[in-house]
Amino acid sequence: MVRPRMFDEDQAVDAAMRVFWASGYEATSTQELCTATGLGRSSIYNTFSSKRALFDLALRRYMEQTTSAQLELIRRTDLPIRERVRQILWRAVEPDPGDPSGCLVINTVVELGPTDPELVEILDRDHAVKLKALALEIRAAQTAGEVDASRDPEALADYVYVVLGGLRVAARRGAATRVQESVIEAALHAF
């Protein structure tokens, strides 16, 4: 007879997500995952089959959470586009207090991207959804007269996400808030 699981799998994935986010895939030990999730080694492997499978679930969870939050903000038509962009960028400077610094996606691209093209493809598809949504809203802002109509909406959307990535890397290395604020202000001049 198979024993029923005595833990919440979603909570375990969330706990693992935070460990991978803080330490990266390679540097995270199975013991750290056991400590964070409260599971034994055999429970982790019986439930998730491998460290990599757990990492993949954690990364997908992270992408779902961050992408849905960004899309919600991007689509807030009650705010001018410049304010929506400011808020997207500001979340890199002042993330939720309990979150590790930086970005699990960017950390993953840097760490595993050169050797895992399938993973990069998944990350690229997720990124494309955000870029498309932001470009669409920039185009609407151009129609409303908020943004210079001669600007390329796709290029502006790319620019926002390149700046966001830079801010997340800067946060990870402990950049001062005032430095990050000045980067955001400079980026908003494009709008």
Protein backbone atom coordinates (compact mmCIF):
# COMPACT_ATOMS: atom_id res chain seq x y z
CA MET A 1 0.00 0.00 0.00
CA VAL A 2 1.26 3.46 -0.96
CA ARG A 3 1.34 5.97 1.86
CA PRO A 4 -0.38 9.29 1.19
CA ARG A 5 1.81 12.38 0.98
CA MET A 6 1.95 14.28 4.22
CA PHE A 7 3.15 17.57 2.77
CA ASP A 8 1.98 20.30 0.44
CA GLU A 9 3.79 19.91 -2.88
CA ASP A 10 3.14 23.55 -3.85
CA GLN A 11 4.74 24.77 -0.63
CA ALA A 12 7.74 22.55 -1.28
CA VAL A 13 8.14 23.96 -4.80
CA ASP A 14 7.84 27.52 -3.45
CA ALA A 15 10.48 26.83 -0.79
CA ALA A 16 12.80 25.27 -3.38
CA MET A 17 12.22 28.23 -5.68
CA ARG A 18 13.56 30.61 -3.04
CA VAL A 19 16.65 28.48 -2.45
CA PHE A 20 17.44 28.24 -6.17
CA TRP A 21 16.73 31.96 -6.53
CA ALA A 22 19.18 32.83 -3.76
CA SER A 23 21.93 30.33 -4.61
CA GLY A 24 21.50 29.18 -8.20
CA TYR A 25 21.05 25.67 -9.50
CA GLU A 26 24.58 24.28 -9.20
CA ALA A 27 25.34 25.80 -5.80
CA THR A 28 22.13 24.49 -4.23
CA SER A 29 22.69 21.20 -2.46
CA THR A 30 20.09 18.53 -1.91
CA GLN A 31 20.53 19.08 1.82
CA GLU A 32 19.64 22.77 1.42
CA LEU A 33 16.50 21.72 -0.46
CA CYS A 34 15.65 19.27 2.32
CA THR A 35 16.09 21.97 4.94
CA ALA A 36 14.04 24.53 3.03
CA THR A 37 11.19 22.20 2.13
CA GLY A 38 11.16 20.21 5.36
CA LEU A 39 11.34 17.02 3.29
CA GLY A 40 13.78 14.16 3.49
CA ARG A 41 16.03 13.31 0.59
CA SER A 42 13.92 10.29 -0.39
CA SER A 43 10.71 12.38 -0.35
CA ILE A 44 12.29 14.95 -2.66
CA TYR A 45 13.44 12.31 -5.11
CA ASN A 46 10.23 10.25 -4.87
CA THR A 47 8.07 13.31 -5.45
CA PHE A 48 10.14 15.30 -7.94
CA SER A 49 12.46 12.57 -9.35
CA SER A 50 15.55 14.77 -9.41
CA LYS A 51 17.04 18.07 -8.33
CA ARG A 52 16.73 19.27 -11.93
CA ALA A 53 13.04 18.34 -12.14
CA LEU A 54 12.40 20.27 -8.92
CA PHE A 55 14.39 23.20 -10.30
CA ASP A 56 12.32 23.19 -13.51
CA LEU A 57 9.10 23.29 -11.47
CA ALA A 58 10.47 26.08 -9.28
CA LEU A 59 11.57 28.11 -12.30
CA ARG A 60 8.16 27.71 -13.96
CA ARG A 61 6.48 28.79 -10.72
CA TYR A 62 8.71 31.87 -10.58
CA MET A 63 7.95 32.73 -14.21
CA GLU A 64 4.20 32.30 -13.65
CA GLN A 65 4.27 34.61 -10.65
CA THR A 66 6.46 37.32 -12.10
CA THR A 67 4.92 37.26 -15.56
CA SER A 68 1.36 37.47 -14.26
CA ALA A 69 2.29 40.36 -11.94
CA GLN A 70 4.04 42.21 -14.76
CA LEU A 71 1.21 41.61 -17.23
CA GLU A 72 -1.30 42.87 -14.68
CA LEU A 73 0.72 46.06 -14.29
CA ILE A 74 1.36 46.46 -18.02
CA ARG A 75 -2.37 46.25 -18.72
CA ARG A 76 -3.38 48.84 -16.10
CA THR A 77 -4.85 51.36 -18.50
CA ASP A 78 -5.83 53.60 -15.59
CA LEU A 79 -2.13 54.55 -15.33
CA PRO A 80 -0.09 56.41 -17.94
CA ILE A 81 2.41 54.15 -19.71
CA ARG A 82 5.33 56.02 -18.17
CA GLU A 83 4.02 55.21 -14.67
CA ARG A 84 3.50 51.55 -15.55
CA VAL A 85 7.08 51.35 -16.83
CA ARG A 86 8.35 53.13 -13.71
CA GLN A 87 6.56 50.60 -11.50
CA ILE A 88 7.91 47.63 -13.48
CA LEU A 89 11.45 48.95 -13.06
CA TRP A 90 10.96 49.98 -9.43
CA ARG A 91 10.06 46.42 -8.44
CA ALA A 92 13.69 45.51 -9.15
CA VAL A 93 14.83 48.19 -6.71
CA GLU A 94 12.30 47.43 -3.98
CA PRO A 95 11.20 43.81 -4.28
CA ASP A 96 9.02 42.15 -1.70
CA PRO A 97 11.00 42.16 1.56
CA GLY A 98 11.06 38.37 1.85
CA ASP A 99 12.35 37.79 -1.68
CA PRO A 100 15.97 37.07 -2.51
CA SER A 101 17.68 39.81 -4.50
CA GLY A 102 17.95 39.65 -8.23
CA CYS A 103 15.92 37.50 -10.60
CA LEU A 104 15.76 33.73 -10.87
CA VAL A 105 15.28 33.96 -14.65
CA ILE A 106 18.33 36.14 -15.20
CA ASN A 107 20.40 34.03 -12.82
CA THR A 108 19.32 30.93 -14.74
CA VAL A 109 20.14 32.42 -18.15
CA VAL A 110 23.62 33.32 -16.93
CA GLU A 111 24.25 30.02 -15.16
CA LEU A 112 22.58 27.44 -17.41
CA GLY A 113 21.83 29.27 -20.65
CA PRO A 114 25.13 28.55 -22.37
CA THR A 115 24.65 24.78 -21.93
CA ASP A 116 20.87 24.34 -22.03
CA PRO A 117 19.21 25.69 -25.19
CA GLU A 118 15.86 24.04 -24.35
CA LEU A 119 15.71 25.96 -21.10
CA VAL A 120 16.60 29.21 -22.88
CA GLU A 121 13.77 28.56 -25.34
CA ILE A 122 11.27 28.28 -22.46
CA LEU A 123 12.60 31.49 -20.92
CA ASP A 124 12.50 33.26 -24.29
CA ARG A 125 8.85 32.30 -24.85
CA ASP A 126 7.92 33.70 -21.46
CA HIS A 127 9.89 36.88 -22.16
CA ALA A 128 8.21 37.32 -25.55
CA VAL A 129 4.77 37.41 -23.89
CA LYS A 130 5.80 40.36 -21.73
CA LEU A 131 7.50 42.17 -24.60
CA LYS A 132 4.46 41.79 -26.83
CA ALA A 133 2.09 43.05 -24.12
CA LEU A 134 4.27 46.06 -23.32
CA ALA A 135 4.76 46.96 -27.00
CA LEU A 136 0.99 46.81 -27.48
CA GLU A 137 0.43 49.20 -24.58
CA ILE A 138 3.17 51.53 -25.83
CA ARG A 139 1.46 51.59 -29.22
CA ALA A 140 -1.84 52.48 -27.49
CA ALA A 141 -0.02 55.24 -25.58
CA GLN A 142 1.31 56.57 -28.87
CA THR A 143 -2.23 56.71 -30.24
CA ALA A 144 -3.28 58.61 -27.10
CA GLY A 145 -0.39 61.05 -27.52
CA GLU A 146 1.54 59.93 -24.43
CA VAL A 147 4.56 58.65 -26.37
CA ASP A 148 6.20 60.07 -29.48
CA ALA A 149 4.60 58.27 -32.45
CA SER A 150 7.94 58.04 -34.24
CA ARG A 151 9.36 55.70 -31.57
CA ASP A 152 9.42 51.96 -32.26
CA PRO A 153 7.15 50.29 -29.63
CA GLU A 154 8.99 46.96 -29.84
CA ALA A 155 12.35 48.66 -29.36
CA LEU A 156 11.02 50.60 -26.37
CA ALA A 157 9.66 47.39 -24.82
CA ASP A 158 13.03 45.69 -25.37
CA TYR A 159 14.74 48.69 -23.80
CA VAL A 160 12.56 48.49 -20.69
CA TYR A 161 13.37 44.82 -20.18
CA VAL A 162 17.09 45.31 -20.79
CA VAL A 163 17.09 48.05 -18.13
CA LEU A 164 15.04 45.81 -15.82
CA GLY A 165 17.58 43.01 -16.23
CA GLY A 166 20.41 45.40 -15.46
CA LEU A 167 18.62 46.66 -12.37
CA ARG A 168 18.12 43.11 -11.13
CA VAL A 169 21.78 42.30 -11.61
CA ALA A 170 22.68 45.54 -9.82
CA ALA A 171 20.34 44.63 -6.95
CA ARG A 172 21.99 41.23 -6.68
CA ARG A 173 25.39 42.85 -6.27
CA GLY A 174 24.02 45.30 -3.70
CA ALA A 175 23.81 48.53 -5.72
CA ALA A 176 22.66 51.57 -3.77
CA THR A 177 19.02 52.54 -4.16
CA ARG A 178 19.98 56.07 -5.26
CA VAL A 179 22.03 54.64 -8.14
CA GLN A 180 19.15 52.46 -9.25
CA GLU A 181 16.73 55.39 -8.97
CA SER A 182 18.92 57.44 -11.29
CA VAL A 183 18.94 54.59 -13.82
CA ILE A 184 15.13 54.44 -13.71
CA GLU A 185 14.83 58.20 -14.18
CA ALA A 186 17.19 58.05 -17.16
CA ALA A 187 15.21 55.17 -18.68
CA LEU A 188 11.91 57.04 -18.31
CA HIS A 189 13.24 59.80 -20.55
CA ALA A 190 12.61 57.41 -23.45
CA PHE A 191 8.91 57.87 -22.74
